[in-house]
PDB file of N, CA and C in Angstrom:
ATOM      1  N   LEU A   1      19.903   7.350  -9.533  1.00  0.00           N
ATOM      2  CA  LEU A   1      19.085   7.415  -8.332  1.00  0.00           C
ATOM      3  C   LEU A   1      18.567   6.014  -8.012  1.00  0.00           C
ATOM      4  N   ILE A   2      18.810   5.546  -6.823  1.00  0.00           N
ATOM      5  CA  ILE A   2      18.338   4.237  -6.369  1.00  0.00           C
ATOM      6  C   ILE A   2      17.278   4.464  -5.303  1.00  0.00           C
ATOM      7  N   THR A   3      16.119   3.849  -5.505  1.00  0.00           N
ATOM      8  CA  THR A   3      15.017   4.016  -4.558  1.00  0.00           C
ATOM      9  C   THR A   3      14.967   2.851  -3.585  1.00  0.00           C
ATOM     10  N   LEU A   4      14.202   3.028  -2.527  1.00  0.00           N
ATOM     11  CA  LEU A   4      13.989   1.951  -1.570  1.00  0.00           C
ATOM     12  C   LEU A   4      13.333   0.756  -2.260  1.00  0.00           C
ATOM     13  N   GLU A   5      12.412   1.033  -3.194  1.00  0.00           N
ATOM     14  CA  GLU A   5      11.762  -0.055  -3.936  1.00  0.00           C
ATOM     15  C   GLU A   5      12.790  -0.850  -4.737  1.00  0.00           C
ATOM     16  N   ASP A   6      13.765  -0.172  -5.358  1.00  0.00           N
ATOM     17  CA  ASP A   6      14.818  -0.864  -6.106  1.00  0.00           C
ATOM     18  C   ASP A   6      15.596  -1.824  -5.212  1.00  0.00           C
ATOM     19  N   ILE A   7      15.924  -1.364  -4.016  1.00  0.00           N
ATOM     20  CA  ILE A   7      16.667  -2.203  -3.068  1.00  0.00           C
ATOM     21  C   ILE A   7      15.834  -3.412  -2.654  1.00  0.00           C
ATOM     22  N   LEU A   8      14.562  -3.175  -2.315  1.00  0.00           N
ATOM     23  CA  LEU A   8      13.678  -4.273  -1.916  1.00  0.00           C
ATOM     24  C   LEU A   8      13.493  -5.283  -3.039  1.00  0.00           C
ATOM     25  N   GLU A   9      13.360  -4.803  -4.280  1.00  0.00           N
ATOM     26  CA  GLU A   9      13.185  -5.712  -5.413  1.00  0.00           C
ATOM     27  C   GLU A   9      14.425  -6.575  -5.638  1.00  0.00           C
ATOM     28  N   GLU A  10      15.593  -6.057  -5.325  1.00  0.00           N
ATOM     29  CA  GLU A  10      16.810  -6.864  -5.424  1.00  0.00           C
ATOM     30  C   GLU A  10      16.786  -8.007  -4.421  1.00  0.00           C
ATOM     31  N   ILE A  11      16.166  -7.762  -3.270  1.00  0.00           N
ATOM     32  CA  ILE A  11      16.121  -8.769  -2.209  1.00  0.00           C
ATOM     33  C   ILE A  11      14.999  -9.773  -2.425  1.00  0.00           C
ATOM     34  N   VAL A  12      13.771  -9.280  -2.692  1.00  0.00           N
ATOM     35  CA  VAL A  12      12.592 -10.158  -2.730  1.00  0.00           C
ATOM     36  C   VAL A  12      12.038 -10.411  -4.124  1.00  0.00           C
ATOM     37  N   GLY A  13      12.543  -9.739  -5.136  1.00  0.00           N
ATOM     38  CA  GLY A  13      12.002  -9.897  -6.486  1.00  0.00           C
ATOM     39  C   GLY A  13      11.087  -8.736  -6.838  1.00  0.00           C
ATOM     40  N   ASP A  14      10.503  -8.794  -8.024  1.00  0.00           N
ATOM     41  CA  ASP A  14       9.663  -7.699  -8.505  1.00  0.00           C
ATOM     42  C   ASP A  14       8.500  -7.418  -7.580  1.00  0.00           C
ATOM     43  N   ILE A  15       8.231  -6.130  -7.400  1.00  0.00           N
ATOM     44  CA  ILE A  15       7.093  -5.662  -6.615  1.00  0.00           C
ATOM     45  C   ILE A  15       6.228  -4.841  -7.558  1.00  0.00           C
ATOM     46  N   THR A  16       4.970  -5.223  -7.690  1.00  0.00           N
ATOM     47  CA  THR A  16       4.048  -4.468  -8.531  1.00  0.00           C
ATOM     48  C   THR A  16       3.178  -3.610  -7.634  1.00  0.00           C
ATOM     49  N   ASP A  17       3.126  -2.325  -7.943  1.00  0.00           N
ATOM     50  CA  ASP A  17       2.272  -1.423  -7.179  1.00  0.00           C
ATOM     51  C   ASP A  17       1.505  -0.527  -8.133  1.00  0.00           C
ATOM     52  N   GLU A  18       0.799   0.466  -7.590  1.00  0.00           N
ATOM     53  CA  GLU A  18      -0.066   1.309  -8.416  1.00  0.00           C
ATOM     54  C   GLU A  18       0.703   2.182  -9.394  1.00  0.00           C
ATOM     55  N   PHE A  19       2.029   2.285  -9.252  1.00  0.00           N
ATOM     56  CA  PHE A  19       2.826   3.118 -10.137  1.00  0.00           C
ATOM     57  C   PHE A  19       3.444   2.338 -11.290  1.00  0.00           C
ATOM     58  N   ASP A  20       3.348   1.027 -11.258  1.00  0.00           N
ATOM     59  CA  ASP A  20       3.893   0.194 -12.320  1.00  0.00           C
ATOM     60  C   ASP A  20       2.904   0.094 -13.470  1.00  0.00           C
ATOM     61  N   VAL A  21       3.436   0.076 -14.683  1.00  0.00           N
ATOM     62  CA  VAL A  21       2.596  -0.074 -15.861  1.00  0.00           C
ATOM     63  C   VAL A  21       2.311  -1.559 -16.044  1.00  0.00           C
ATOM     64  N   VAL A  22       1.025  -1.905 -16.122  1.00  0.00           N
ATOM     65  CA  VAL A  22       0.602  -3.290 -16.294  1.00  0.00           C
ATOM     66  C   VAL A  22      -0.174  -3.378 -17.594  1.00  0.00           C
ATOM     67  N   ARG A  23       0.042  -4.462 -18.343  1.00  0.00           N
ATOM     68  CA  ARG A  23      -0.717  -4.636 -19.581  1.00  0.00           C
ATOM     69  C   ARG A  23      -2.199  -4.522 -19.313  1.00  0.00           C
ATOM     70  N   LYS A  24      -2.886  -3.823 -20.187  1.00  0.00           N
ATOM     71  CA  LYS A  24      -4.318  -3.581 -20.025  1.00  0.00           C
ATOM     72  C   LYS A  24      -5.122  -4.876 -19.981  1.00  0.00           C
ATOM     73  N   ASP A  25      -4.702  -5.901 -20.728  1.00  0.00           N
ATOM     74  CA  ASP A  25      -5.483  -7.135 -20.805  1.00  0.00           C
ATOM     75  C   ASP A  25      -5.059  -8.186 -19.781  1.00  0.00           C
ATOM     76  N   SER A  26      -4.103  -7.862 -18.933  1.00  0.00           N
ATOM     77  CA  SER A  26      -3.629  -8.877 -17.990  1.00  0.00           C
ATOM     78  C   SER A  26      -4.630  -9.113 -16.870  1.00  0.00           C
ATOM     79  N   GLY A  27      -4.763 -10.365 -16.485  1.00  0.00           N
ATOM     80  CA  GLY A  27      -5.585 -10.708 -15.334  1.00  0.00           C
ATOM     81  C   GLY A  27      -7.055 -10.911 -15.582  1.00  0.00           C
ATOM     82  N   LEU A  28      -7.554 -10.552 -16.761  1.00  0.00           N
ATOM     83  CA  LEU A  28      -8.990 -10.612 -17.015  1.00  0.00           C
ATOM     84  C   LEU A  28      -9.249 -10.960 -18.472  1.00  0.00           C
ATOM     85  N   SER A  29     -10.115 -11.947 -18.693  1.00  0.00           N
ATOM     86  CA  SER A  29     -10.520 -12.270 -20.059  1.00  0.00           C
ATOM     87  C   SER A  29     -11.953 -12.779 -20.046  1.00  0.00           C
ATOM     88  N   MET A  30     -12.654 -12.542 -21.146  1.00  0.00           N
ATOM     89  CA  MET A  30     -14.037 -12.988 -21.240  1.00  0.00           C
ATOM     90  C   MET A  30     -14.075 -14.370 -21.882  1.00  0.00           C
ATOM     91  N   ALA A  31     -14.819 -15.269 -21.266  1.00  0.00           N
ATOM     92  CA  ALA A  31     -14.992 -16.621 -21.800  1.00  0.00           C
ATOM     93  C   ALA A  31     -16.113 -16.616 -22.835  1.00  0.00           C
ATOM     94  N   GLU A  32     -16.203 -17.690 -23.605  1.00  0.00           N
ATOM     95  CA  GLU A  32     -17.226 -17.784 -24.653  1.00  0.00           C
ATOM     96  C   GLU A  32     -18.641 -17.722 -24.102  1.00  0.00           C
ATOM     97  N   ASP A  33     -18.842 -18.193 -22.875  1.00  0.00           N
ATOM     98  CA  ASP A  33     -20.189 -18.199 -22.292  1.00  0.00           C
ATOM     99  C   ASP A  33     -20.579 -16.868 -21.646  1.00  0.00           C
ATOM    100  N   GLY A  34     -19.729 -15.843 -21.794  1.00  0.00           N
ATOM    101  CA  GLY A  34     -20.041 -14.527 -21.245  1.00  0.00           C
ATOM    102  C   GLY A  34     -19.531 -14.302 -19.836  1.00  0.00           C
ATOM    103  N   SER A  35     -18.981 -15.338 -19.224  1.00  0.00           N
ATOM    104  CA  SER A  35     -18.395 -15.175 -17.893  1.00  0.00           C
ATOM    105  C   SER A  35     -16.983 -14.603 -18.054  1.00  0.00           C
ATOM    106  N   TYR A  36     -16.389 -14.231 -16.941  1.00  0.00           N
ATOM    107  CA  TYR A  36     -15.040 -13.678 -16.952  1.00  0.00           C
ATOM    108  C   TYR A  36     -14.087 -14.610 -16.223  1.00  0.00           C
ATOM    109  N   LEU A  37     -12.916 -14.844 -16.813  1.00  0.00           N
ATOM    110  CA  LEU A  37     -11.827 -15.542 -16.137  1.00  0.00           C
ATOM    111  C   LEU A  37     -10.943 -14.470 -15.521  1.00  0.00           C
ATOM    112  N   VAL A  38     -10.744 -14.564 -14.216  1.00  0.00           N
ATOM    113  CA  VAL A  38     -10.046 -13.525 -13.472  1.00  0.00           C
ATOM    114  C   VAL A  38      -8.910 -14.154 -12.676  1.00  0.00           C
ATOM    115  N   GLU A  39      -7.734 -13.558 -12.746  1.00  0.00           N
ATOM    116  CA  GLU A  39      -6.629 -14.004 -11.905  1.00  0.00           C
ATOM    117  C   GLU A  39      -6.960 -13.666 -10.464  1.00  0.00           C
ATOM    118  N   GLY A  40      -6.697 -14.596  -9.558  1.00  0.00           N
ATOM    119  CA  GLY A  40      -7.023 -14.394  -8.156  1.00  0.00           C
ATOM    120  C   GLY A  40      -6.340 -13.195  -7.537  1.00  0.00           C
ATOM    121  N   ALA A  41      -5.159 -12.840  -8.031  1.00  0.00           N
ATOM    122  CA  ALA A  41      -4.403 -11.722  -7.476  1.00  0.00           C
ATOM    123  C   ALA A  41      -4.888 -10.364  -7.970  1.00  0.00           C
ATOM    124  N   MET A  42      -5.840 -10.342  -8.907  1.00  0.00           N
ATOM    125  CA  MET A  42      -6.341  -9.064  -9.410  1.00  0.00           C
ATOM    126  C   MET A  42      -7.062  -8.322  -8.291  1.00  0.00           C
ATOM    127  N   THR A  43      -6.782  -7.036  -8.172  1.00  0.00           N
ATOM    128  CA  THR A  43      -7.449  -6.271  -7.125  1.00  0.00           C
ATOM    129  C   THR A  43      -8.917  -6.063  -7.486  1.00  0.00           C
ATOM    130  N   ILE A  44      -9.731  -6.008  -6.471  1.00  0.00           N
ATOM    131  CA  ILE A  44     -11.165  -5.770  -6.668  1.00  0.00           C
ATOM    132  C   ILE A  44     -11.360  -4.411  -7.321  1.00  0.00           C
ATOM    133  N   ARG A  45     -10.567  -3.463  -6.917  1.00  0.00           N
ATOM    134  CA  ARG A  45     -10.665  -2.106  -7.473  1.00  0.00           C
ATOM    135  C   ARG A  45     -10.434  -2.116  -8.988  1.00  0.00           C
ATOM    136  N   ASP A  46      -9.375  -2.813  -9.437  1.00  0.00           N
ATOM    137  CA  ASP A  46      -9.104  -2.898 -10.875  1.00  0.00           C
ATOM    138  C   ASP A  46     -10.217  -3.636 -11.608  1.00  0.00           C
ATOM    139  N   LEU A  47     -10.705  -4.720 -11.024  1.00  0.00           N
ATOM    140  CA  LEU A  47     -11.791  -5.479 -11.644  1.00  0.00           C
ATOM    141  C   LEU A  47     -13.039  -4.614 -11.774  1.00  0.00           C
ATOM    142  N   ASN A  48     -13.387  -3.894 -10.731  1.00  0.00           N
ATOM    143  CA  ASN A  48     -14.555  -3.011 -10.783  1.00  0.00           C
ATOM    144  C   ASN A  48     -14.398  -1.941 -11.857  1.00  0.00           C
ATOM    145  N   ARG A  49     -13.220  -1.376 -11.974  1.00  0.00           N
ATOM    146  CA  ARG A  49     -12.979  -0.336 -12.988  1.00  0.00           C
ATOM    147  C   ARG A  49     -13.101  -0.892 -14.403  1.00  0.00           C
ATOM    148  N   ARG A  50     -12.551  -2.079 -14.618  1.00  0.00           N
ATOM    149  CA  ARG A  50     -12.531  -2.631 -15.967  1.00  0.00           C
ATOM    150  C   ARG A  50     -13.862  -3.227 -16.396  1.00  0.00           C
ATOM    151  N   THR A  51     -14.717  -3.576 -15.443  1.00  0.00           N
ATOM    152  CA  THR A  51     -15.993  -4.211 -15.783  1.00  0.00           C
ATOM    153  C   THR A  51     -17.201  -3.344 -15.443  1.00  0.00           C
ATOM    154  N   GLU A  52     -16.952  -2.216 -14.760  1.00  0.00           N
ATOM    155  CA  GLU A  52     -18.026  -1.337 -14.279  1.00  0.00           C
ATOM    156  C   GLU A  52     -18.918  -2.056 -13.271  1.00  0.00           C
ATOM    157  N   TRP A  53     -18.340  -2.995 -12.517  1.00  0.00           N
ATOM    158  CA  TRP A  53     -19.043  -3.656 -11.431  1.00  0.00           C
ATOM    159  C   TRP A  53     -18.835  -2.858 -10.158  1.00  0.00           C
ATOM    160  N   SER A  54     -19.452  -3.299  -9.088  1.00  0.00           N
ATOM    161  CA  SER A  54     -19.275  -2.615  -7.799  1.00  0.00           C
ATOM    162  C   SER A  54     -19.118  -3.633  -6.665  1.00  0.00           C
ATOM    163  N   LEU A  55     -18.226  -4.593  -6.869  1.00  0.00           N
ATOM    164  CA  LEU A  55     -17.938  -5.559  -5.811  1.00  0.00           C
ATOM    165  C   LEU A  55     -17.283  -4.827  -4.637  1.00  0.00           C
ATOM    166  N   PRO A  56     -17.626  -5.193  -3.407  1.00  0.00           N
ATOM    167  CA  PRO A  56     -17.080  -4.481  -2.246  1.00  0.00           C
ATOM    168  C   PRO A  56     -15.593  -4.778  -2.041  1.00  0.00           C
ATOM    169  N   ASP A  57     -14.839  -3.746  -1.673  1.00  0.00           N
ATOM    170  CA  ASP A  57     -13.409  -3.928  -1.416  1.00  0.00           C
ATOM    171  C   ASP A  57     -13.014  -3.497  -0.007  1.00  0.00           C
ATOM    172  N   ASP A  58     -13.990  -3.468   0.897  1.00  0.00           N
ATOM    173  CA  ASP A  58     -13.685  -3.046   2.262  1.00  0.00           C
ATOM    174  C   ASP A  58     -13.135  -4.180   3.127  1.00  0.00           C
ATOM    175  N   GLU A  59     -13.401  -5.427   2.801  1.00  0.00           N
ATOM    176  CA  GLU A  59     -12.927  -6.566   3.600  1.00  0.00           C
ATOM    177  C   GLU A  59     -11.770  -7.317   2.945  1.00  0.00           C
ATOM    178  N   ALA A  60     -11.540  -7.095   1.664  1.00  0.00           N
ATOM    179  CA  ALA A  60     -10.469  -7.802   0.946  1.00  0.00           C
ATOM    180  C   ALA A  60      -9.924  -6.896  -0.145  1.00  0.00           C
ATOM    181  N   ASN A  61      -8.678  -7.116  -0.523  1.00  0.00           N
ATOM    182  CA  ASN A  61      -8.038  -6.318  -1.554  1.00  0.00           C
ATOM    183  C   ASN A  61      -8.120  -6.988  -2.927  1.00  0.00           C
ATOM    184  N   THR A  62      -8.014  -8.316  -2.964  1.00  0.00           N
ATOM    185  CA  THR A  62      -8.029  -9.049  -4.228  1.00  0.00           C
ATOM    186  C   THR A  62      -9.336  -9.822  -4.383  1.00  0.00           C
ATOM    187  N   ILE A  63      -9.608 -10.248  -5.607  1.00  0.00           N
ATOM    188  CA  ILE A  63     -10.832 -11.002  -5.863  1.00  0.00           C
ATOM    189  C   ILE A  63     -10.765 -12.369  -5.177  1.00  0.00           C
ATOM    190  N   ALA A  64      -9.593 -12.985  -5.110  1.00  0.00           N
ATOM    191  CA  ALA A  64      -9.453 -14.251  -4.380  1.00  0.00           C
ATOM    192  C   ALA A  64      -9.679 -14.027  -2.889  1.00  0.00           C
ATOM    193  N   GLY A  65      -9.176 -12.916  -2.376  1.00  0.00           N
ATOM    194  CA  GLY A  65      -9.387 -12.582  -0.970  1.00  0.00           C
ATOM    195  C   GLY A  65     -10.850 -12.384  -0.641  1.00  0.00           C
ATOM    196  N   LEU A  66     -11.595 -11.769  -1.564  1.00  0.00           N
ATOM    197  CA  LEU A  66     -13.034 -11.575  -1.363  1.00  0.00           C
ATOM    198  C   LEU A  66     -13.743 -12.921  -1.300  1.00  0.00           C
ATOM    199  N   MET A  67     -13.378 -13.827  -2.202  1.00  0.00           N
ATOM    200  CA  MET A  67     -14.023 -15.134  -2.201  1.00  0.00           C
ATOM    201  C   MET A  67     -13.724 -15.894  -0.913  1.00  0.00           C
ATOM    202  N   ILE A  68     -12.477 -15.869  -0.469  1.00  0.00           N
ATOM    203  CA  ILE A  68     -12.102 -16.545   0.775  1.00  0.00           C
ATOM    204  C   ILE A  68     -12.834 -15.924   1.960  1.00  0.00           C
ATOM    205  N   HIS A  69     -12.923 -14.602   1.979  1.00  0.00           N
ATOM    206  CA  HIS A  69     -13.624 -13.917   3.070  1.00  0.00           C
ATOM    207  C   HIS A  69     -15.097 -14.317   3.110  1.00  0.00           C
ATOM    208  N   GLU A  70     -15.748 -14.290   1.970  1.00  0.00           N
ATOM    209  CA  GLU A  70     -17.180 -14.600   1.920  1.00  0.00           C
ATOM    210  C   GLU A  70     -17.452 -16.084   2.186  1.00  0.00           C
ATOM    211  N   ALA A  71     -16.599 -16.960   1.660  1.00  0.00           N
ATOM    212  CA  ALA A  71     -16.796 -18.400   1.850  1.00  0.00           C
ATOM    213  C   ALA A  71     -16.336 -18.856   3.235  1.00  0.00           C
ATOM    214  N   GLN A  72     -15.527 -18.039   3.891  1.00  0.00           N
ATOM    215  CA  GLN A  72     -14.950 -18.346   5.203  1.00  0.00           C
ATOM    216  C   GLN A  72     -14.141 -19.640   5.171  1.00  0.00           C
ATOM    217  N   MET A  73     -13.497 -19.872   4.035  1.00  0.00           N
ATOM    218  CA  MET A  73     -12.631 -21.036   3.843  1.00  0.00           C
ATOM    219  C   MET A  73     -11.821 -20.814   2.573  1.00  0.00           C
ATOM    220  N   ILE A  74     -10.821 -21.657   2.352  1.00  0.00           N
ATOM    221  CA  ILE A  74     -10.095 -21.637   1.083  1.00  0.00           C
ATOM    222  C   ILE A  74     -10.695 -22.736   0.225  1.00  0.00           C
ATOM    223  N   PRO A  75     -11.521 -22.354  -0.755  1.00  0.00           N
ATOM    224  CA  PRO A  75     -12.234 -23.354  -1.558  1.00  0.00           C
ATOM    225  C   PRO A  75     -11.297 -24.161  -2.457  1.00  0.00           C
ATOM    226  N   ASN A  76     -11.752 -25.335  -2.826  1.00  0.00           N
ATOM    227  CA  ASN A  76     -11.029 -26.198  -3.763  1.00  0.00           C
ATOM    228  C   ASN A  76     -11.438 -25.875  -5.194  1.00  0.00           C
ATOM    229  N   GLU A  77     -10.650 -26.351  -6.145  1.00  0.00           N
ATOM    230  CA  GLU A  77     -10.992 -26.181  -7.560  1.00  0.00           C
ATOM    231  C   GLU A  77     -12.367 -26.775  -7.821  1.00  0.00           C
ATOM    232  N   GLY A  78     -13.173 -26.066  -8.584  1.00  0.00           N
ATOM    233  CA  GLY A  78     -14.503 -26.535  -8.944  1.00  0.00           C
ATOM    234  C   GLY A  78     -15.602 -26.100  -7.995  1.00  0.00           C
ATOM    235  N   GLN A  79     -15.249 -25.644  -6.805  1.00  0.00           N
ATOM    236  CA  GLN A  79     -16.289 -25.191  -5.875  1.00  0.00           C
ATOM    237  C   GLN A  79     -16.896 -23.887  -6.370  1.00  0.00           C
ATOM    238  N   VAL A  80     -18.201 -23.756  -6.141  1.00  0.00           N
ATOM    239  CA  VAL A  80     -18.957 -22.602  -6.626  1.00  0.00           C
ATOM    240  C   VAL A  80     -19.688 -21.956  -5.459  1.00  0.00           C
ATOM    241  N   PHE A  81     -19.673 -20.620  -5.436  1.00  0.00           N
ATOM    242  CA  PHE A  81     -20.377 -19.841  -4.427  1.00  0.00           C
ATOM    243  C   PHE A  81     -21.092 -18.694  -5.117  1.00  0.00           C
ATOM    244  N   SER A  82     -22.165 -18.231  -4.510  1.00  0.00           N
ATOM    245  CA  SER A  82     -22.889 -17.068  -5.032  1.00  0.00           C
ATOM    246  C   SER A  82     -23.003 -16.028  -3.934  1.00  0.00           C
ATOM    247  N   PHE A  83     -22.548 -14.829  -4.233  1.00  0.00           N
ATOM    248  CA  PHE A  83     -22.714 -13.693  -3.340  1.00  0.00           C
ATOM    249  C   PHE A  83     -22.481 -12.408  -4.113  1.00  0.00           C
ATOM    250  N   HIS A  84     -23.038 -11.316  -3.579  1.00  0.00           N
ATOM    251  CA  HIS A  84     -22.939  -9.985  -4.191  1.00  0.00           C
ATOM    252  C   HIS A  84     -23.461  -9.970  -5.629  1.00  0.00           C
ATOM    253  N   GLY A  85     -24.421 -10.852  -5.936  1.00  0.00           N
ATOM    254  CA  GLY A  85     -25.012 -10.876  -7.272  1.00  0.00           C
ATOM    255  C   GLY A  85     -24.163 -11.554  -8.331  1.00  0.00           C
ATOM    256  N   PHE A  86     -23.169 -12.338  -7.904  1.00  0.00           N
ATOM    257  CA  PHE A  86     -22.281 -13.017  -8.837  1.00  0.00           C
ATOM    258  C   PHE A  86     -22.114 -14.475  -8.452  1.00  0.00           C
ATOM    259  N   ARG A  87     -21.786 -15.281  -9.448  1.00  0.00           N
ATOM    260  CA  ARG A  87     -21.432 -16.689  -9.239  1.00  0.00           C
ATOM    261  C   ARG A  87     -19.915 -16.764  -9.335  1.00  0.00           C
ATOM    262  N   PHE A  88     -19.269 -17.231  -8.275  1.00  0.00           N
ATOM    263  CA  PHE A  88     -17.821 -17.365  -8.204  1.00  0.00           C
ATOM    264  C   PHE A  88     -17.466 -18.845  -8.288  1.00  0.00           C
ATOM    265  N   GLU A  89     -16.615 -19.216  -9.227  1.00  0.00           N
ATOM    266  CA  GLU A  89     -16.151 -20.601  -9.345  1.00  0.00           C
ATOM    267  C   GLU A  89     -14.628 -20.623  -9.316  1.00  0.00           C
ATOM    268  N   VAL A  90     -14.064 -21.497  -8.503  1.00  0.00           N
ATOM    269  CA  VAL A  90     -12.608 -21.645  -8.444  1.00  0.00           C
ATOM    270  C   VAL A  90     -12.171 -22.490  -9.637  1.00  0.00           C
ATOM    271  N   VAL A  91     -11.386 -21.893 -10.513  1.00  0.00           N
ATOM    272  CA  VAL A  91     -10.889 -22.597 -11.694  1.00  0.00           C
ATOM    273  C   VAL A  91      -9.540 -23.240 -11.395  1.00  0.00           C
ATOM    274  N   ALA A  92      -8.677 -22.525 -10.680  1.00  0.00           N
ATOM    275  CA  ALA A  92      -7.346 -23.053 -10.370  1.00  0.00           C
ATOM    276  C   ALA A  92      -6.913 -22.601  -8.982  1.00  0.00           C
ATOM    277  N   ARG A  93      -6.226 -23.517  -8.316  1.00  0.00           N
ATOM    278  CA  ARG A  93      -5.714 -23.238  -6.971  1.00  0.00           C
ATOM    279  C   ARG A  93      -4.338 -23.878  -6.860  1.00  0.00           C
ATOM    280  N   ARG A  94      -3.415 -23.155  -6.255  1.00  0.00           N
ATOM    281  CA  ARG A  94      -2.073 -23.685  -6.011  1.00  0.00           C
ATOM    282  C   ARG A  94      -1.782 -23.533  -4.523  1.00  0.00           C
ATOM    283  N   GLU A  95      -1.649 -24.648  -3.845  1.00  0.00           N
ATOM    284  CA  GLU A  95      -1.485 -24.696  -2.391  1.00  0.00           C
ATOM    285  C   GLU A  95      -2.647 -23.939  -1.737  1.00  0.00           C
ATOM    286  N   ASN A  96      -2.372 -22.902  -0.971  1.00  0.00           N
ATOM    287  CA  ASN A  96      -3.448 -22.154  -0.315  1.00  0.00           C
ATOM    288  C   ASN A  96      -3.837 -20.890  -1.065  1.00  0.00           C
ATOM    289  N   ARG A  97      -3.519 -20.825  -2.341  1.00  0.00           N
ATOM    290  CA  ARG A  97      -3.819 -19.630  -3.134  1.00  0.00           C
ATOM    291  C   ARG A  97      -4.787 -19.956  -4.260  1.00  0.00           C
ATOM    292  N   ILE A  98      -5.814 -19.148  -4.381  1.00  0.00           N
ATOM    293  CA  ILE A  98      -6.714 -19.248  -5.531  1.00  0.00           C
ATOM    294  C   ILE A  98      -6.055 -18.448  -6.643  1.00  0.00           C
ATOM    295  N   THR A  99      -5.704 -19.115  -7.733  1.00  0.00           N
ATOM    296  CA  THR A  99      -4.979 -18.436  -8.802  1.00  0.00           C
ATOM    297  C   THR A  99      -5.875 -17.984  -9.947  1.00  0.00           C
ATOM    298  N   GLN A 100      -7.026 -18.621 -10.123  1.00  0.00           N
ATOM    299  CA  GLN A 100      -7.942 -18.196 -11.183  1.00  0.00           C
ATOM    300  C   GLN A 100      -9.379 -18.501 -10.792  1.00  0.00           C
ATOM    301  N   LEU A 101     -10.248 -17.541 -11.103  1.00  0.00           N
ATOM    302  CA  LEU A 101     -11.676 -17.657 -10.819  1.00  0.00           C
ATOM    303  C   LEU A 101     -12.472 -17.418 -12.085  1.00  0.00           C
ATOM    304  N   LYS A 102     -13.682 -17.941 -12.093  1.00  0.00           N
ATOM    305  CA  LYS A 102     -14.635 -17.653 -13.162  1.00  0.00           C
ATOM    306  C   LYS A 102     -15.797 -16.925 -12.498  1.00  0.00           C
ATOM    307  N   LEU A 103     -16.113 -15.736 -12.983  1.00  0.00           N
ATOM    308  CA  LEU A 103     -17.192 -14.931 -12.421  1.00  0.00           C
ATOM    309  C   LEU A 103     -18.270 -14.704 -13.463  1.00  0.00           C
ATOM    310  N   ARG A 104     -19.496 -14.784 -12.998  1.00  0.00           N
ATOM    311  CA  ARG A 104     -20.638 -14.515 -13.873  1.00  0.00           C
ATOM    312  C   ARG A 104     -21.698 -13.791 -13.061  1.00  0.00           C
ATOM    313  N   ARG A 105     -22.266 -12.767 -13.653  1.00  0.00           N
ATOM    314  CA  ARG A 105     -23.345 -12.029 -12.996  1.00  0.00           C
ATOM    315  C   ARG A 105     -24.587 -12.904 -12.950  1.00  0.00           C
ATOM    316  N   LEU A 106     -25.280 -12.910 -11.812  1.00  0.00           N
ATOM    317  CA  LEU A 106     -26.509 -13.708 -11.666  1.00  0.00           C
ATOM    318  C   LEU A 106     -27.718 -12.941 -12.172  1.00  0.00           C
TER     319      LEU A 106
END
């Protein structure tokens, strides 16, 4: 049986969706200072589930998208913003994509 997703993946590469099994520890790790290192592509929904936080997901799907939405710009590495009771720091950026963030509850 060949699915539409199989055909699309042959054309564009792997597609990860809610039905794919993802390693439990991927995308999120706790730093020594108690903050969290988060991959920018991690969905807000997954982050909220794994940390028991309640960051809003009505304006953005990913944590990087939330930061860009709130900052109203694509921040550079090292820039820090505070909103929704958290401190967001850009750890890594590649072109116009935030690839890693550091989050800490205020």
